PDB file of N, CA and C in Angstrom:
ATOM      1  N   MET A   1      19.846  14.167  61.699  1.00  0.00           N
ATOM      2  CA  MET A   1      20.519  14.976  62.691  1.00  0.00           C
ATOM      3  C   MET A   1      20.582  14.190  64.006  1.00  0.00           C
ATOM      4  N   PRO A   2      21.768  14.047  64.583  1.00  0.00           N
ATOM      5  CA  PRO A   2      21.890  13.284  65.832  1.00  0.00           C
ATOM      6  C   PRO A   2      21.215  14.005  66.998  1.00  0.00           C
ATOM      7  N   ARG A   3      20.745  13.203  67.939  1.00  0.00           N
ATOM      8  CA  ARG A   3      20.138  13.767  69.138  1.00  0.00           C
ATOM      9  C   ARG A   3      21.236  14.299  70.047  1.00  0.00           C
ATOM     10  N   LYS A   4      20.854  15.111  71.001  1.00  0.00           N
ATOM     11  CA  LYS A   4      21.800  15.685  71.951  1.00  0.00           C
ATOM     12  C   LYS A   4      21.889  14.803  73.193  1.00  0.00           C
ATOM     13  N   ILE A   5      23.004  14.917  73.903  1.00  0.00           N
ATOM     14  CA  ILE A   5      23.207  14.159  75.140  1.00  0.00           C
ATOM     15  C   ILE A   5      22.090  14.475  76.129  1.00  0.00           C
ATOM     16  N   ARG A   6      21.665  15.741  76.202  1.00  0.00           N
ATOM     17  CA  ARG A   6      20.613  16.117  77.152  1.00  0.00           C
ATOM     18  C   ARG A   6      19.306  15.385  76.863  1.00  0.00           C
ATOM     19  N   GLN A   7      19.045  15.073  75.585  1.00  0.00           N
ATOM     20  CA  GLN A   7      17.829  14.342  75.230  1.00  0.00           C
ATOM     21  C   GLN A   7      17.914  12.895  75.703  1.00  0.00           C
ATOM     22  N   LEU A   8      19.098  12.293  75.603  1.00  0.00           N
ATOM     23  CA  LEU A   8      19.283  10.929  76.103  1.00  0.00           C
ATOM     24  C   LEU A   8      19.098  10.885  77.616  1.00  0.00           C
ATOM     25  N   ILE A   9      19.631  11.887  78.297  1.00  0.00           N
ATOM     26  CA  ILE A   9      19.502  11.958  79.752  1.00  0.00           C
ATOM     27  C   ILE A   9      18.034  12.108  80.138  1.00  0.00           C
ATOM     28  N   ALA A  10      17.296  12.932  79.421  1.00  0.00           N
ATOM     29  CA  ALA A  10      15.872  13.119  79.707  1.00  0.00           C
ATOM     30  C   ALA A  10      15.109  11.811  79.507  1.00  0.00           C
ATOM     31  N   ASP A  11      15.444  11.051  78.456  1.00  0.00           N
ATOM     32  CA  ASP A  11      14.805   9.751  78.224  1.00  0.00           C
ATOM     33  C   ASP A  11      15.068   8.797  79.383  1.00  0.00           C
ATOM     34  N   LEU A  12      16.318   8.763  79.843  1.00  0.00           N
ATOM     35  CA  LEU A  12      16.671   7.876  80.950  1.00  0.00           C
ATOM     36  C   LEU A  12      15.915   8.253  82.221  1.00  0.00           C
ATOM     37  N   GLU A  13      15.857   9.540  82.528  1.00  0.00           N
ATOM     38  CA  GLU A  13      15.181   9.986  83.749  1.00  0.00           C
ATOM     39  C   GLU A  13      13.683   9.721  83.681  1.00  0.00           C
ATOM     40  N   ARG A  14      13.077   9.868  82.500  1.00  0.00           N
ATOM     41  CA  ARG A  14      11.655   9.547  82.336  1.00  0.00           C
ATOM     42  C   ARG A  14      11.385   8.065  82.561  1.00  0.00           C
ATOM     43  N   ALA A  15      12.375   7.226  82.214  1.00  0.00           N
ATOM     44  CA  ALA A  15      12.230   5.773  82.352  1.00  0.00           C
ATOM     45  C   ALA A  15      12.526   5.301  83.777  1.00  0.00           C
ATOM     46  N   GLY A  16      12.915   6.224  84.665  1.00  0.00           N
ATOM     47  CA  GLY A  16      13.135   5.861  86.062  1.00  0.00           C
ATOM     48  C   GLY A  16      14.588   5.679  86.460  1.00  0.00           C
ATOM     49  N   PHE A  17      15.527   6.011  85.584  1.00  0.00           N
ATOM     50  CA  PHE A  17      16.944   5.899  85.912  1.00  0.00           C
ATOM     51  C   PHE A  17      17.351   7.069  86.815  1.00  0.00           C
ATOM     52  N   VAL A  18      18.333   6.811  87.685  1.00  0.00           N
ATOM     53  CA  VAL A  18      18.812   7.814  88.634  1.00  0.00           C
ATOM     54  C   VAL A  18      20.291   8.069  88.368  1.00  0.00           C
ATOM     55  N   ASP A  19      20.681   9.338  88.369  1.00  0.00           N
ATOM     56  CA  ASP A  19      22.079   9.725  88.162  1.00  0.00           C
ATOM     57  C   ASP A  19      22.868   9.431  89.433  1.00  0.00           C
ATOM     58  N   ARG A  20      23.888   8.595  89.319  1.00  0.00           N
ATOM     59  CA  ARG A  20      24.736   8.249  90.449  1.00  0.00           C
ATOM     60  C   ARG A  20      26.072   8.978  90.409  1.00  0.00           C
ATOM     61  N   GLY A  21      26.171  10.007  89.589  1.00  0.00           N
ATOM     62  CA  GLY A  21      27.401  10.790  89.524  1.00  0.00           C
ATOM     63  C   GLY A  21      28.410  10.177  88.572  1.00  0.00           C
ATOM     64  N   GLY A  22      29.595  10.733  88.571  1.00  0.00           N
ATOM     65  CA  GLY A  22      30.658  10.258  87.698  1.00  0.00           C
ATOM     66  C   GLY A  22      31.812  11.237  87.723  1.00  0.00           C
ATOM     67  N   LYS A  23      32.829  10.949  86.934  1.00  0.00           N
ATOM     68  CA  LYS A  23      33.999  11.811  86.873  1.00  0.00           C
ATOM     69  C   LYS A  23      33.999  12.587  85.567  1.00  0.00           C
ATOM     70  N   GLY A  24      34.280  13.853  85.654  1.00  0.00           N
ATOM     71  CA  GLY A  24      34.370  14.680  84.452  1.00  0.00           C
ATOM     72  C   GLY A  24      33.037  14.760  83.735  1.00  0.00           C
ATOM     73  N   SER A  25      33.037  14.424  82.456  1.00  0.00           N
ATOM     74  CA  SER A  25      31.820  14.528  81.666  1.00  0.00           C
ATOM     75  C   SER A  25      31.021  13.220  81.673  1.00  0.00           C
ATOM     76  N   HIS A  26      31.414  12.254  82.489  1.00  0.00           N
ATOM     77  CA  HIS A  26      30.725  10.961  82.553  1.00  0.00           C
ATOM     78  C   HIS A  26      29.642  10.985  83.632  1.00  0.00           C
ATOM     79  N   ARG A  27      28.501  10.393  83.285  1.00  0.00           N
ATOM     80  CA  ARG A  27      27.389  10.274  84.232  1.00  0.00           C
ATOM     81  C   ARG A  27      26.943   8.828  84.246  1.00  0.00           C
ATOM     82  N   ASN A  28      26.773   8.260  85.438  1.00  0.00           N
ATOM     83  CA  ASN A  28      26.339   6.874  85.587  1.00  0.00           C
ATOM     84  C   ASN A  28      24.876   6.865  85.989  1.00  0.00           C
ATOM     85  N   TYR A  29      24.050   6.228  85.173  1.00  0.00           N
ATOM     86  CA  TYR A  29      22.622   6.126  85.461  1.00  0.00           C
ATOM     87  C   TYR A  29      22.287   4.682  85.801  1.00  0.00           C
ATOM     88  N   VAL A  30      21.520   4.503  86.883  1.00  0.00           N
ATOM     89  CA  VAL A  30      21.146   3.181  87.372  1.00  0.00           C
ATOM     90  C   VAL A  30      19.637   3.126  87.516  1.00  0.00           C
ATOM     91  N   HIS A  31      19.060   1.983  87.160  1.00  0.00           N
ATOM     92  CA  HIS A  31      17.620   1.764  87.323  1.00  0.00           C
ATOM     93  C   HIS A  31      17.420   0.823  88.506  1.00  0.00           C
ATOM     94  N   PRO A  32      16.357   0.997  89.290  1.00  0.00           N
ATOM     95  CA  PRO A  32      16.111   0.119  90.447  1.00  0.00           C
ATOM     96  C   PRO A  32      16.038  -1.366  90.088  1.00  0.00           C
ATOM     97  N   LYS A  33      15.660  -1.709  88.859  1.00  0.00           N
ATOM     98  CA  LYS A  33      15.575  -3.117  88.444  1.00  0.00           C
ATOM     99  C   LYS A  33      16.934  -3.694  88.053  1.00  0.00           C
ATOM    100  N   GLY A  34      17.964  -2.861  87.973  1.00  0.00           N
ATOM    101  CA  GLY A  34      19.295  -3.370  87.708  1.00  0.00           C
ATOM    102  C   GLY A  34      20.062  -2.785  86.538  1.00  0.00           C
ATOM    103  N   PRO A  35      19.417  -2.491  85.390  1.00  0.00           N
ATOM    104  CA  PRO A  35      20.214  -1.985  84.263  1.00  0.00           C
ATOM    105  C   PRO A  35      20.937  -0.677  84.598  1.00  0.00           C
ATOM    106  N   HIS A  36      22.132  -0.527  84.053  1.00  0.00           N
ATOM    107  CA  HIS A  36      22.876   0.717  84.251  1.00  0.00           C
ATOM    108  C   HIS A  36      23.537   1.114  82.938  1.00  0.00           C
ATOM    109  N   VAL A  37      23.815   2.389  82.797  1.00  0.00           N
ATOM    110  CA  VAL A  37      24.437   2.913  81.578  1.00  0.00           C
ATOM    111  C   VAL A  37      25.273   4.132  81.945  1.00  0.00           C
ATOM    112  N   THR A  38      26.396   4.298  81.257  1.00  0.00           N
ATOM    113  CA  THR A  38      27.257   5.459  81.445  1.00  0.00           C
ATOM    114  C   THR A  38      27.157   6.327  80.196  1.00  0.00           C
ATOM    115  N   ILE A  39      26.862   7.597  80.408  1.00  0.00           N
ATOM    116  CA  ILE A  39      26.765   8.572  79.324  1.00  0.00           C
ATOM    117  C   ILE A  39      27.934   9.544  79.467  1.00  0.00           C
ATOM    118  N   SER A  40      28.662   9.753  78.382  1.00  0.00           N
ATOM    119  CA  SER A  40      29.764  10.710  78.423  1.00  0.00           C
ATOM    120  C   SER A  40      29.501  11.827  77.427  1.00  0.00           C
ATOM    121  N   GLY A  41      29.977  13.009  77.762  1.00  0.00           N
ATOM    122  CA  GLY A  41      29.834  14.163  76.879  1.00  0.00           C
ATOM    123  C   GLY A  41      29.076  15.292  77.551  1.00  0.00           C
ATOM    124  N   LYS A  42      29.264  16.473  77.035  1.00  0.00           N
ATOM    125  CA  LYS A  42      28.556  17.643  77.555  1.00  0.00           C
ATOM    126  C   LYS A  42      27.100  17.585  77.096  1.00  0.00           C
ATOM    127  N   PRO A  43      26.177  18.140  77.884  1.00  0.00           N
ATOM    128  CA  PRO A  43      24.752  18.064  77.532  1.00  0.00           C
ATOM    129  C   PRO A  43      24.404  18.619  76.154  1.00  0.00           C
ATOM    130  N   GLY A  44      25.119  19.599  75.664  1.00  0.00           N
ATOM    131  CA  GLY A  44      24.811  20.192  74.367  1.00  0.00           C
ATOM    132  C   GLY A  44      25.481  19.504  73.185  1.00  0.00           C
ATOM    133  N   ALA A  45      26.314  18.487  73.474  1.00  0.00           N
ATOM    134  CA  ALA A  45      27.034  17.797  72.400  1.00  0.00           C
ATOM    135  C   ALA A  45      26.125  16.788  71.700  1.00  0.00           C
ATOM    136  N   ASP A  46      26.459  16.488  70.453  1.00  0.00           N
ATOM    137  CA  ASP A  46      25.721  15.470  69.707  1.00  0.00           C
ATOM    138  C   ASP A  46      26.042  14.097  70.278  1.00  0.00           C
ATOM    139  N   ALA A  47      25.010  13.261  70.402  1.00  0.00           N
ATOM    140  CA  ALA A  47      25.195  11.897  70.885  1.00  0.00           C
ATOM    141  C   ALA A  47      25.699  11.021  69.745  1.00  0.00           C
ATOM    142  N   HIS A  48      26.565  10.086  70.071  1.00  0.00           N
ATOM    143  CA  HIS A  48      27.044   9.121  69.087  1.00  0.00           C
ATOM    144  C   HIS A  48      25.968   8.055  68.881  1.00  0.00           C
ATOM    145  N   HIS A  49      26.038   7.376  67.746  1.00  0.00           N
ATOM    146  CA  HIS A  49      25.047   6.342  67.443  1.00  0.00           C
ATOM    147  C   HIS A  49      25.052   5.243  68.499  1.00  0.00           C
ATOM    148  N   TYR A  50      26.260   4.854  68.966  1.00  0.00           N
ATOM    149  CA  TYR A  50      26.326   3.785  69.955  1.00  0.00           C
ATOM    150  C   TYR A  50      25.687   4.209  71.277  1.00  0.00           C
ATOM    151  N   GLN A  51      25.753   5.497  71.608  1.00  0.00           N
ATOM    152  CA  GLN A  51      25.122   5.965  72.844  1.00  0.00           C
ATOM    153  C   GLN A  51      23.605   5.902  72.729  1.00  0.00           C
ATOM    154  N   GLU A  52      23.075   6.307  71.588  1.00  0.00           N
ATOM    155  CA  GLU A  52      21.624   6.244  71.382  1.00  0.00           C
ATOM    156  C   GLU A  52      21.142   4.802  71.454  1.00  0.00           C
ATOM    157  N   ARG A  53      21.876   3.902  70.805  1.00  0.00           N
ATOM    158  CA  ARG A  53      21.514   2.485  70.798  1.00  0.00           C
ATOM    159  C   ARG A  53      21.570   1.905  72.223  1.00  0.00           C
ATOM    160  N   GLN A  54      22.612   2.251  72.973  1.00  0.00           N
ATOM    161  CA  GLN A  54      22.785   1.735  74.320  1.00  0.00           C
ATOM    162  C   GLN A  54      21.669   2.226  75.245  1.00  0.00           C
ATOM    163  N   VAL A  55      21.317   3.488  75.152  1.00  0.00           N
ATOM    164  CA  VAL A  55      20.242   4.045  75.976  1.00  0.00           C
ATOM    165  C   VAL A  55      18.921   3.352  75.653  1.00  0.00           C
ATOM    166  N   ARG A  56      18.638   3.180  74.369  1.00  0.00           N
ATOM    167  CA  ARG A  56      17.399   2.512  73.953  1.00  0.00           C
ATOM    168  C   ARG A  56      17.340   1.077  74.488  1.00  0.00           C
ATOM    169  N   GLN A  57      18.461   0.348  74.414  1.00  0.00           N
ATOM    170  CA  GLN A  57      18.497  -1.026  74.903  1.00  0.00           C
ATOM    171  C   GLN A  57      18.295  -1.089  76.413  1.00  0.00           C
ATOM    172  N   ARG A  58      18.924  -0.186  77.154  1.00  0.00           N
ATOM    173  CA  ARG A  58      18.804  -0.216  78.621  1.00  0.00           C
ATOM    174  C   ARG A  58      17.381   0.151  79.066  1.00  0.00           C
ATOM    175  N   ILE A  59      16.740   1.070  78.365  1.00  0.00           N
ATOM    176  CA  ILE A  59      15.358   1.424  78.697  1.00  0.00           C
ATOM    177  C   ILE A  59      14.461   0.222  78.449  1.00  0.00           C
ATOM    178  N   GLU A  60      14.684  -0.487  77.349  1.00  0.00           N
ATOM    179  CA  GLU A  60      13.884  -1.680  77.060  1.00  0.00           C
ATOM    180  C   GLU A  60      14.096  -2.749  78.124  1.00  0.00           C
ATOM    181  N   GLU A  61      15.353  -2.935  78.571  1.00  0.00           N
ATOM    182  CA  GLU A  61      15.648  -3.908  79.621  1.00  0.00           C
ATOM    183  C   GLU A  61      14.941  -3.558  80.924  1.00  0.00           C
ATOM    184  N   SER A  62      14.851  -2.285  81.230  1.00  0.00           N
ATOM    185  CA  SER A  62      14.237  -1.870  82.491  1.00  0.00           C
ATOM    186  C   SER A  62      12.724  -2.038  82.484  1.00  0.00           C
ATOM    187  N   GLN A  63      12.122  -2.161  81.297  1.00  0.00           N
ATOM    188  CA  GLN A  63      10.671  -2.287  81.209  1.00  0.00           C
ATOM    189  C   GLN A  63      10.213  -3.743  81.214  1.00  0.00           C
ATOM    190  N   LYS A  64      11.143  -4.689  81.209  1.00  0.00           N
ATOM    191  CA  LYS A  64      10.773  -6.112  81.207  1.00  0.00           C
ATOM    192  C   LYS A  64      10.291  -6.565  82.562  1.00  0.00           C
TER     193      LYS A  64
END
């Protein structure tokens, strides 16, 4: 079962990413160390595999 967009957002915020806003259903998250990621979709929607992979990679980059 795919994770929800809200779960990806919670992971990003726990890792120290900050929401910088966006247009429509897009949200731009930036980490103070530099990595950034854009998440699209409503919070209750299922996340796509590429979104889960991208969030995981950006969190790993921010911990280096």
